[in-house]
Amino acid sequence: MADYERYLNESGHPARIVALAKEILKLRQMLWRSHGHKGMYGDDGEMQCGECAKEYGFWDWKRTDINEVESKIQTANLKKFSEKKGK
């Protein structure tokens, strides 16, 4: 993450754009950290998940289009709900 933040700080973009990009990154980090899987990989600034790749066809919480992330979260929640309902 530090490299990305350094890039933002040195990008020459207006301060408000940099601040918004940092907020978006922080929200993605919060989603990634709390999404409930154990196959997470992030030691080099990445936000990836092996379980998401296997179950939902995506793994990169940092670069995947946010609409796709939202769709996959909804799919995962529906799956969890139907599994609970079936028990």
PDB file of N, CA and C in Angstrom:
ATOM      1  N   MET A   1       0.808  -1.192   0.000  1.00  0.00           N
ATOM      2  CA  MET A   1       0.000   0.000   0.000  1.00  0.00           C
ATOM      3  C   MET A   1       0.851   1.256   0.000  1.00  0.00           C
ATOM      4  N   ALA A   2       1.986   1.184   0.628  1.00  0.00           N
ATOM      5  CA  ALA A   2       2.839   2.366   0.733  1.00  0.00           C
ATOM      6  C   ALA A   2       3.255   2.885  -0.640  1.00  0.00           C
ATOM      7  N   ASP A   3       3.553   1.975  -1.573  1.00  0.00           N
ATOM      8  CA  ASP A   3       3.932   2.404  -2.922  1.00  0.00           C
ATOM      9  C   ASP A   3       2.793   3.135  -3.607  1.00  0.00           C
ATOM     10  N   TYR A   4       1.574   2.623  -3.448  1.00  0.00           N
ATOM     11  CA  TYR A   4       0.410   3.258  -4.057  1.00  0.00           C
ATOM     12  C   TYR A   4       0.181   4.637  -3.453  1.00  0.00           C
ATOM     13  N   GLU A   5       0.299   4.739  -2.135  1.00  0.00           N
ATOM     14  CA  GLU A   5       0.122   6.038  -1.491  1.00  0.00           C
ATOM     15  C   GLU A   5       1.213   7.014  -1.914  1.00  0.00           C
ATOM     16  N   ARG A   6       2.431   6.521  -2.037  1.00  0.00           N
ATOM     17  CA  ARG A   6       3.522   7.374  -2.512  1.00  0.00           C
ATOM     18  C   ARG A   6       3.215   7.866  -3.926  1.00  0.00           C
ATOM     19  N   TYR A   7       2.735   6.946  -4.774  1.00  0.00           N
ATOM     20  CA  TYR A   7       2.356   7.328  -6.138  1.00  0.00           C
ATOM     21  C   TYR A   7       1.302   8.428  -6.110  1.00  0.00           C
ATOM     22  N   LEU A   8       0.266   8.256  -5.286  1.00  0.00           N
ATOM     23  CA  LEU A   8      -0.786   9.267  -5.200  1.00  0.00           C
ATOM     24  C   LEU A   8      -0.226  10.603  -4.756  1.00  0.00           C
ATOM     25  N   ASN A   9       0.627  10.574  -3.738  1.00  0.00           N
ATOM     26  CA  ASN A   9       1.179  11.821  -3.210  1.00  0.00           C
ATOM     27  C   ASN A   9       2.058  12.534  -4.232  1.00  0.00           C
ATOM     28  N   GLU A  10       2.726  11.771  -5.087  1.00  0.00           N
ATOM     29  CA  GLU A  10       3.646  12.359  -6.063  1.00  0.00           C
ATOM     30  C   GLU A  10       3.030  12.508  -7.448  1.00  0.00           C
ATOM     31  N   SER A  11       1.747  12.188  -7.593  1.00  0.00           N
ATOM     32  CA  SER A  11       1.119  12.135  -8.915  1.00  0.00           C
ATOM     33  C   SER A  11       0.859  13.501  -9.540  1.00  0.00           C
ATOM     34  N   GLY A  12       0.808  14.527  -8.734  1.00  0.00           N
ATOM     35  CA  GLY A  12       0.503  15.844  -9.273  1.00  0.00           C
ATOM     36  C   GLY A  12      -0.995  16.095  -9.413  1.00  0.00           C
ATOM     37  N   HIS A  13      -1.813  15.135  -9.012  1.00  0.00           N
ATOM     38  CA  HIS A  13      -3.261  15.330  -9.050  1.00  0.00           C
ATOM     39  C   HIS A  13      -3.671  16.324  -7.973  1.00  0.00           C
ATOM     40  N   PRO A  14      -4.802  16.978  -8.174  1.00  0.00           N
ATOM     41  CA  PRO A  14      -5.277  17.894  -7.132  1.00  0.00           C
ATOM     42  C   PRO A  14      -5.452  17.170  -5.798  1.00  0.00           C
ATOM     43  N   ALA A  15      -5.251  17.885  -4.721  1.00  0.00           N
ATOM     44  CA  ALA A  15      -5.291  17.296  -3.373  1.00  0.00           C
ATOM     45  C   ALA A  15      -6.610  16.577  -3.105  1.00  0.00           C
ATOM     46  N   ARG A  16      -7.720  17.111  -3.576  1.00  0.00           N
ATOM     47  CA  ARG A  16      -9.023  16.481  -3.326  1.00  0.00           C
ATOM     48  C   ARG A  16      -9.125  15.132  -4.034  1.00  0.00           C
ATOM     49  N   ILE A  17      -8.576  15.026  -5.230  1.00  0.00           N
ATOM     50  CA  ILE A  17      -8.584  13.756  -5.966  1.00  0.00           C
ATOM     51  C   ILE A  17      -7.731  12.729  -5.222  1.00  0.00           C
ATOM     52  N   VAL A  18      -6.574  13.148  -4.746  1.00  0.00           N
ATOM     53  CA  VAL A  18      -5.692  12.254  -3.981  1.00  0.00           C
ATOM     54  C   VAL A  18      -6.400  11.796  -2.711  1.00  0.00           C
ATOM     55  N   ALA A  19      -7.065  12.721  -2.011  1.00  0.00           N
ATOM     56  CA  ALA A  19      -7.780  12.369  -0.784  1.00  0.00           C
ATOM     57  C   ALA A  19      -8.901  11.367  -1.065  1.00  0.00           C
ATOM     58  N   LEU A  20      -9.641  11.560  -2.150  1.00  0.00           N
ATOM     59  CA  LEU A  20     -10.707  10.621  -2.508  1.00  0.00           C
ATOM     60  C   LEU A  20     -10.153   9.250  -2.864  1.00  0.00           C
ATOM     61  N   ALA A  21      -9.058   9.208  -3.588  1.00  0.00           N
ATOM     62  CA  ALA A  21      -8.436   7.922  -3.945  1.00  0.00           C
ATOM     63  C   ALA A  21      -7.992   7.177  -2.685  1.00  0.00           C
ATOM     64  N   LYS A  22      -7.459   7.904  -1.723  1.00  0.00           N
ATOM     65  CA  LYS A  22      -7.042   7.279  -0.462  1.00  0.00           C
ATOM     66  C   LYS A  22      -8.248   6.766   0.326  1.00  0.00           C
ATOM     67  N   GLU A  23      -9.348   7.519   0.310  1.00  0.00           N
ATOM     68  CA  GLU A  23     -10.568   7.067   0.986  1.00  0.00           C
ATOM     69  C   GLU A  23     -11.106   5.791   0.338  1.00  0.00           C
ATOM     70  N   ILE A  24     -11.114   5.749  -0.973  1.00  0.00           N
ATOM     71  CA  ILE A  24     -11.592   4.571  -1.693  1.00  0.00           C
ATOM     72  C   ILE A  24     -10.722   3.369  -1.354  1.00  0.00           C
ATOM     73  N   LEU A  25      -9.417   3.571  -1.330  1.00  0.00           N
ATOM     74  CA  LEU A  25      -8.506   2.484  -0.987  1.00  0.00           C
ATOM     75  C   LEU A  25      -8.768   1.992   0.434  1.00  0.00           C
ATOM     76  N   LYS A  26      -9.002   2.910   1.347  1.00  0.00           N
ATOM     77  CA  LYS A  26      -9.274   2.530   2.733  1.00  0.00           C
ATOM     78  C   LYS A  26     -10.565   1.713   2.834  1.00  0.00           C
ATOM     79  N   LEU A  27     -11.593   2.105   2.107  1.00  0.00           N
ATOM     80  CA  LEU A  27     -12.850   1.354   2.113  1.00  0.00           C
ATOM     81  C   LEU A  27     -12.658  -0.042   1.523  1.00  0.00           C
ATOM     82  N   ARG A  28     -11.883  -0.144   0.447  1.00  0.00           N
ATOM     83  CA  ARG A  28     -11.586  -1.455  -0.136  1.00  0.00           C
ATOM     84  C   ARG A  28     -10.828  -2.327   0.865  1.00  0.00           C
ATOM     85  N   GLN A  29      -9.884  -1.729   1.596  1.00  0.00           N
ATOM     86  CA  GLN A  29      -9.144  -2.475   2.624  1.00  0.00           C
ATOM     87  C   GLN A  29     -10.083  -2.991   3.701  1.00  0.00           C
ATOM     88  N   MET A  30     -11.016  -2.161   4.132  1.00  0.00           N
ATOM     89  CA  MET A  30     -11.957  -2.575   5.169  1.00  0.00           C
ATOM     90  C   MET A  30     -12.836  -3.721   4.676  1.00  0.00           C
ATOM     91  N   LEU A  31     -13.313  -3.637   3.443  1.00  0.00           N
ATOM     92  CA  LEU A  31     -14.109  -4.730   2.878  1.00  0.00           C
ATOM     93  C   LEU A  31     -13.289  -6.010   2.802  1.00  0.00           C
ATOM     94  N   TRP A  32     -12.079  -5.898   2.301  1.00  0.00           N
ATOM     95  CA  TRP A  32     -11.206  -7.059   2.129  1.00  0.00           C
ATOM     96  C   TRP A  32     -10.915  -7.728   3.467  1.00  0.00           C
ATOM     97  N   ARG A  33     -10.561  -6.917   4.462  1.00  0.00           N
ATOM     98  CA  ARG A  33     -10.204  -7.475   5.772  1.00  0.00           C
ATOM     99  C   ARG A  33     -11.384  -8.134   6.478  1.00  0.00           C
ATOM    100  N   SER A  34     -12.583  -7.685   6.190  1.00  0.00           N
ATOM    101  CA  SER A  34     -13.746  -8.175   6.938  1.00  0.00           C
ATOM    102  C   SER A  34     -14.654  -9.092   6.126  1.00  0.00           C
ATOM    103  N   HIS A  35     -14.212  -9.550   4.973  1.00  0.00           N
ATOM    104  CA  HIS A  35     -15.122 -10.325   4.122  1.00  0.00           C
ATOM    105  C   HIS A  35     -15.261 -11.785   4.518  1.00  0.00           C
ATOM    106  N   GLY A  36     -14.477 -12.252   5.485  1.00  0.00           N
ATOM    107  CA  GLY A  36     -14.743 -13.534   6.097  1.00  0.00           C
ATOM    108  C   GLY A  36     -13.977 -14.739   5.582  1.00  0.00           C
ATOM    109  N   HIS A  37     -13.069 -14.558   4.675  1.00  0.00           N
ATOM    110  CA  HIS A  37     -12.281 -15.687   4.174  1.00  0.00           C
ATOM    111  C   HIS A  37     -10.928 -15.760   4.873  1.00  0.00           C
ATOM    112  N   LYS A  38     -10.319 -16.943   4.813  1.00  0.00           N
ATOM    113  CA  LYS A  38      -9.010 -17.143   5.429  1.00  0.00           C
ATOM    114  C   LYS A  38      -7.890 -17.163   4.396  1.00  0.00           C
ATOM    115  N   GLY A  39      -8.191 -17.183   3.124  1.00  0.00           N
ATOM    116  CA  GLY A  39      -7.171 -17.277   2.078  1.00  0.00           C
ATOM    117  C   GLY A  39      -6.656 -15.938   1.606  1.00  0.00           C
ATOM    118  N   MET A  40      -6.538 -14.992   2.515  1.00  0.00           N
ATOM    119  CA  MET A  40      -6.158 -13.639   2.134  1.00  0.00           C
ATOM    120  C   MET A  40      -4.643 -13.487   2.015  1.00  0.00           C
ATOM    121  N   TYR A  41      -4.242 -12.676   1.022  1.00  0.00           N
ATOM    122  CA  TYR A  41      -2.830 -12.416   0.769  1.00  0.00           C
ATOM    123  C   TYR A  41      -2.660 -10.913   0.646  1.00  0.00           C
ATOM    124  N   GLY A  42      -1.795 -10.338   1.489  1.00  0.00           N
ATOM    125  CA  GLY A  42      -1.619  -8.899   1.425  1.00  0.00           C
ATOM    126  C   GLY A  42      -0.299  -8.401   1.960  1.00  0.00           C
ATOM    127  N   ASP A  43       0.690  -9.261   2.056  1.00  0.00           N
ATOM    128  CA  ASP A  43       1.934  -8.844   2.699  1.00  0.00           C
ATOM    129  C   ASP A  43       2.792  -7.909   1.858  1.00  0.00           C
ATOM    130  N   ASP A  44       2.511  -7.758   0.590  1.00  0.00           N
ATOM    131  CA  ASP A  44       3.297  -6.839  -0.238  1.00  0.00           C
ATOM    132  C   ASP A  44       2.433  -5.693  -0.780  1.00  0.00           C
ATOM    133  N   GLY A  45       1.375  -5.358  -0.035  1.00  0.00           N
ATOM    134  CA  GLY A  45       0.502  -4.268  -0.440  1.00  0.00           C
ATOM    135  C   GLY A  45      -0.661  -4.702  -1.302  1.00  0.00           C
ATOM    136  N   GLU A  46      -0.736  -5.990  -1.613  1.00  0.00           N
ATOM    137  CA  GLU A  46      -1.855  -6.486  -2.399  1.00  0.00           C
ATOM    138  C   GLU A  46      -3.044  -6.750  -1.488  1.00  0.00           C
ATOM    139  N   MET A  47      -4.209  -6.896  -2.083  1.00  0.00           N
ATOM    140  CA  MET A  47      -5.422  -7.273  -1.359  1.00  0.00           C
ATOM    141  C   MET A  47      -6.078  -8.388  -2.160  1.00  0.00           C
ATOM    142  N   GLN A  48      -5.604  -9.599  -1.951  1.00  0.00           N
ATOM    143  CA  GLN A  48      -6.066 -10.727  -2.739  1.00  0.00           C
ATOM    144  C   GLN A  48      -6.611 -11.818  -1.833  1.00  0.00           C
ATOM    145  N   CYS A  49      -7.428 -12.698  -2.423  1.00  0.00           N
ATOM    146  CA  CYS A  49      -8.033 -13.768  -1.649  1.00  0.00           C
ATOM    147  C   CYS A  49      -8.176 -15.018  -2.509  1.00  0.00           C
ATOM    148  N   GLY A  50      -7.492 -16.084  -2.102  1.00  0.00           N
ATOM    149  CA  GLY A  50      -7.558 -17.345  -2.824  1.00  0.00           C
ATOM    150  C   GLY A  50      -8.928 -17.990  -2.771  1.00  0.00           C
ATOM    151  N   GLU A  51      -9.628 -17.843  -1.650  1.00  0.00           N
ATOM    152  CA  GLU A  51     -10.973 -18.420  -1.538  1.00  0.00           C
ATOM    153  C   GLU A  51     -11.951 -17.715  -2.465  1.00  0.00           C
ATOM    154  N   CYS A  52     -11.823 -16.407  -2.606  1.00  0.00           N
ATOM    155  CA  CYS A  52     -12.703 -15.672  -3.528  1.00  0.00           C
ATOM    156  C   CYS A  52     -12.478 -16.138  -4.960  1.00  0.00           C
ATOM    157  N   ALA A  53     -11.225 -16.369  -5.312  1.00  0.00           N
ATOM    158  CA  ALA A  53     -10.906 -16.832  -6.664  1.00  0.00           C
ATOM    159  C   ALA A  53     -11.574 -18.167  -6.931  1.00  0.00           C
ATOM    160  N   LYS A  54     -11.491 -19.055  -5.959  1.00  0.00           N
ATOM    161  CA  LYS A  54     -12.043 -20.401  -6.115  1.00  0.00           C
ATOM    162  C   LYS A  54     -13.570 -20.378  -6.151  1.00  0.00           C
ATOM    163  N   GLU A  55     -14.181 -19.606  -5.269  1.00  0.00           N
ATOM    164  CA  GLU A  55     -15.637 -19.639  -5.120  1.00  0.00           C
ATOM    165  C   GLU A  55     -16.387 -18.657  -6.012  1.00  0.00           C
ATOM    166  N   TYR A  56     -15.781 -17.495  -6.294  1.00  0.00           N
ATOM    167  CA  TYR A  56     -16.532 -16.436  -6.977  1.00  0.00           C
ATOM    168  C   TYR A  56     -15.860 -15.886  -8.231  1.00  0.00           C
ATOM    169  N   GLY A  57     -14.696 -16.403  -8.577  1.00  0.00           N
ATOM    170  CA  GLY A  57     -14.056 -16.010  -9.825  1.00  0.00           C
ATOM    171  C   GLY A  57     -13.332 -14.679  -9.816  1.00  0.00           C
ATOM    172  N   PHE A  58     -13.103 -14.114  -8.660  1.00  0.00           N
ATOM    173  CA  PHE A  58     -12.255 -12.917  -8.592  1.00  0.00           C
ATOM    174  C   PHE A  58     -11.429 -12.991  -7.333  1.00  0.00           C
ATOM    175  N   TRP A  59     -10.332 -12.283  -7.302  1.00  0.00           N
ATOM    176  CA  TRP A  59      -9.439 -12.396  -6.154  1.00  0.00           C
ATOM    177  C   TRP A  59      -8.778 -11.094  -5.777  1.00  0.00           C
ATOM    178  N   ASP A  60      -8.844 -10.082  -6.625  1.00  0.00           N
ATOM    179  CA  ASP A  60      -8.089  -8.853  -6.396  1.00  0.00           C
ATOM    180  C   ASP A  60      -9.006  -7.727  -5.929  1.00  0.00           C
ATOM    181  N   TRP A  61      -9.016  -7.517  -4.624  1.00  0.00           N
ATOM    182  CA  TRP A  61      -9.874  -6.501  -4.028  1.00  0.00           C
ATOM    183  C   TRP A  61      -9.350  -5.086  -4.273  1.00  0.00           C
ATOM    184  N   LYS A  62      -8.130  -4.972  -4.706  1.00  0.00           N
ATOM    185  CA  LYS A  62      -7.525  -3.655  -4.934  1.00  0.00           C
ATOM    186  C   LYS A  62      -7.833  -3.131  -6.343  1.00  0.00           C
ATOM    187  N   ARG A  63      -7.898  -4.025  -7.333  1.00  0.00           N
ATOM    188  CA  ARG A  63      -8.019  -3.586  -8.718  1.00  0.00           C
ATOM    189  C   ARG A  63      -9.328  -3.940  -9.411  1.00  0.00           C
ATOM    190  N   THR A  64     -10.074  -4.892  -8.869  1.00  0.00           N
ATOM    191  CA  THR A  64     -11.334  -5.299  -9.506  1.00  0.00           C
ATOM    192  C   THR A  64     -12.317  -4.141  -9.466  1.00  0.00           C
ATOM    193  N   ASP A  65     -13.044  -3.974 -10.570  1.00  0.00           N
ATOM    194  CA  ASP A  65     -14.063  -2.927 -10.645  1.00  0.00           C
ATOM    195  C   ASP A  65     -14.991  -3.026  -9.438  1.00  0.00           C
ATOM    196  N   ILE A  66     -15.280  -1.907  -8.810  1.00  0.00           N
ATOM    197  CA  ILE A  66     -16.053  -1.898  -7.565  1.00  0.00           C
ATOM    198  C   ILE A  66     -17.446  -2.466  -7.763  1.00  0.00           C
ATOM    199  N   ASN A  67     -18.024  -2.328  -8.946  1.00  0.00           N
ATOM    200  CA  ASN A  67     -19.343  -2.913  -9.208  1.00  0.00           C
ATOM    201  C   ASN A  67     -19.274  -4.435  -9.198  1.00  0.00           C
ATOM    202  N   GLU A  68     -18.170  -4.998  -9.695  1.00  0.00           N
ATOM    203  CA  GLU A  68     -17.992  -6.442  -9.653  1.00  0.00           C
ATOM    204  C   GLU A  68     -17.777  -6.917  -8.213  1.00  0.00           C
ATOM    205  N   VAL A  69     -17.014  -6.161  -7.445  1.00  0.00           N
ATOM    206  CA  VAL A  69     -16.816  -6.504  -6.034  1.00  0.00           C
ATOM    207  C   VAL A  69     -18.172  -6.542  -5.329  1.00  0.00           C
ATOM    208  N   GLU A  70     -18.983  -5.521  -5.559  1.00  0.00           N
ATOM    209  CA  GLU A  70     -20.313  -5.470  -4.942  1.00  0.00           C
ATOM    210  C   GLU A  70     -21.150  -6.685  -5.349  1.00  0.00           C
ATOM    211  N   SER A  71     -21.135  -7.024  -6.617  1.00  0.00           N
ATOM    212  CA  SER A  71     -21.891  -8.169  -7.121  1.00  0.00           C
ATOM    213  C   SER A  71     -21.436  -9.471  -6.467  1.00  0.00           C
ATOM    214  N   LYS A  72     -20.120  -9.641  -6.333  1.00  0.00           N
ATOM    215  CA  LYS A  72     -19.587 -10.863  -5.723  1.00  0.00           C
ATOM    216  C   LYS A  72     -19.929 -10.935  -4.237  1.00  0.00           C
ATOM    217  N   ILE A  73     -19.921  -9.796  -3.552  1.00  0.00           N
ATOM    218  CA  ILE A  73     -20.315  -9.767  -2.142  1.00  0.00           C
ATOM    219  C   ILE A  73     -21.777 -10.174  -2.006  1.00  0.00           C
ATOM    220  N   GLN A  74     -22.617  -9.657  -2.886  1.00  0.00           N
ATOM    221  CA  GLN A  74     -24.033 -10.022  -2.847  1.00  0.00           C
ATOM    222  C   GLN A  74     -24.217 -11.512  -3.119  1.00  0.00           C
ATOM    223  N   THR A  75     -23.484 -12.049  -4.087  1.00  0.00           N
ATOM    224  CA  THR A  75     -23.549 -13.478  -4.386  1.00  0.00           C
ATOM    225  C   THR A  75     -23.135 -14.303  -3.177  1.00  0.00           C
ATOM    226  N   ALA A  76     -22.041 -13.906  -2.535  1.00  0.00           N
ATOM    227  CA  ALA A  76     -21.562 -14.624  -1.350  1.00  0.00           C
ATOM    228  C   ALA A  76     -22.587 -14.561  -0.220  1.00  0.00           C
ATOM    229  N   ASN A  77     -23.189 -13.400  -0.016  1.00  0.00           N
ATOM    230  CA  ASN A  77     -24.188 -13.268   1.046  1.00  0.00           C
ATOM    231  C   ASN A  77     -25.425 -14.108   0.769  1.00  0.00           C
ATOM    232  N   LEU A  78     -25.861 -14.152  -0.493  1.00  0.00           N
ATOM    233  CA  LEU A  78     -27.003 -14.988  -0.849  1.00  0.00           C
ATOM    234  C   LEU A  78     -26.688 -16.466  -0.633  1.00  0.00           C
ATOM    235  N   LYS A  79     -25.459 -16.860  -0.963  1.00  0.00           N
ATOM    236  CA  LYS A  79     -25.038 -18.246  -0.753  1.00  0.00           C
ATOM    237  C   LYS A  79     -25.074 -18.587   0.735  1.00  0.00           C
ATOM    238  N   LYS A  80     -24.512 -17.701   1.561  1.00  0.00           N
ATOM    239  CA  LYS A  80     -24.514 -17.932   3.011  1.00  0.00           C
ATOM    240  C   LYS A  80     -25.944 -18.004   3.545  1.00  0.00           C
ATOM    241  N   PHE A  81     -26.818 -17.112   3.072  1.00  0.00           N
ATOM    242  CA  PHE A  81     -28.203 -17.094   3.516  1.00  0.00           C
ATOM    243  C   PHE A  81     -28.921 -18.384   3.140  1.00  0.00           C
ATOM    244  N   SER A  82     -28.728 -18.843   1.912  1.00  0.00           N
ATOM    245  CA  SER A  82     -29.416 -20.061   1.485  1.00  0.00           C
ATOM    246  C   SER A  82     -28.880 -21.284   2.226  1.00  0.00           C
ATOM    247  N   GLU A  83     -27.585 -21.288   2.555  1.00  0.00           N
ATOM    248  CA  GLU A  83     -27.025 -22.401   3.335  1.00  0.00           C
ATOM    249  C   GLU A  83     -27.596 -22.431   4.735  1.00  0.00           C
ATOM    250  N   LYS A  84     -27.752 -21.268   5.345  1.00  0.00           N
ATOM    251  CA  LYS A  84     -28.338 -21.197   6.694  1.00  0.00           C
ATOM    252  C   LYS A  84     -29.803 -21.599   6.663  1.00  0.00           C
ATOM    253  N   LYS A  85     -30.510 -21.148   5.644  1.00  0.00           N
ATOM    254  CA  LYS A  85     -31.924 -21.435   5.525  1.00  0.00           C
ATOM    255  C   LYS A  85     -32.158 -22.937   5.308  1.00  0.00           C
ATOM    256  N   GLY A  86     -31.237 -23.578   4.606  1.00  0.00           N
ATOM    257  CA  GLY A  86     -31.358 -24.995   4.313  1.00  0.00           C
ATOM    258  C   GLY A  86     -31.087 -25.904   5.494  1.00  0.00           C
ATOM    259  N   LYS A  87     -30.492 -25.376   6.542  1.00  0.00           N
ATOM    260  CA  LYS A  87     -30.148 -26.197   7.720  1.00  0.00           C
ATOM    261  C   LYS A  87     -31.306 -26.351   8.672  1.00  0.00           C
TER     262      LYS A  87
END
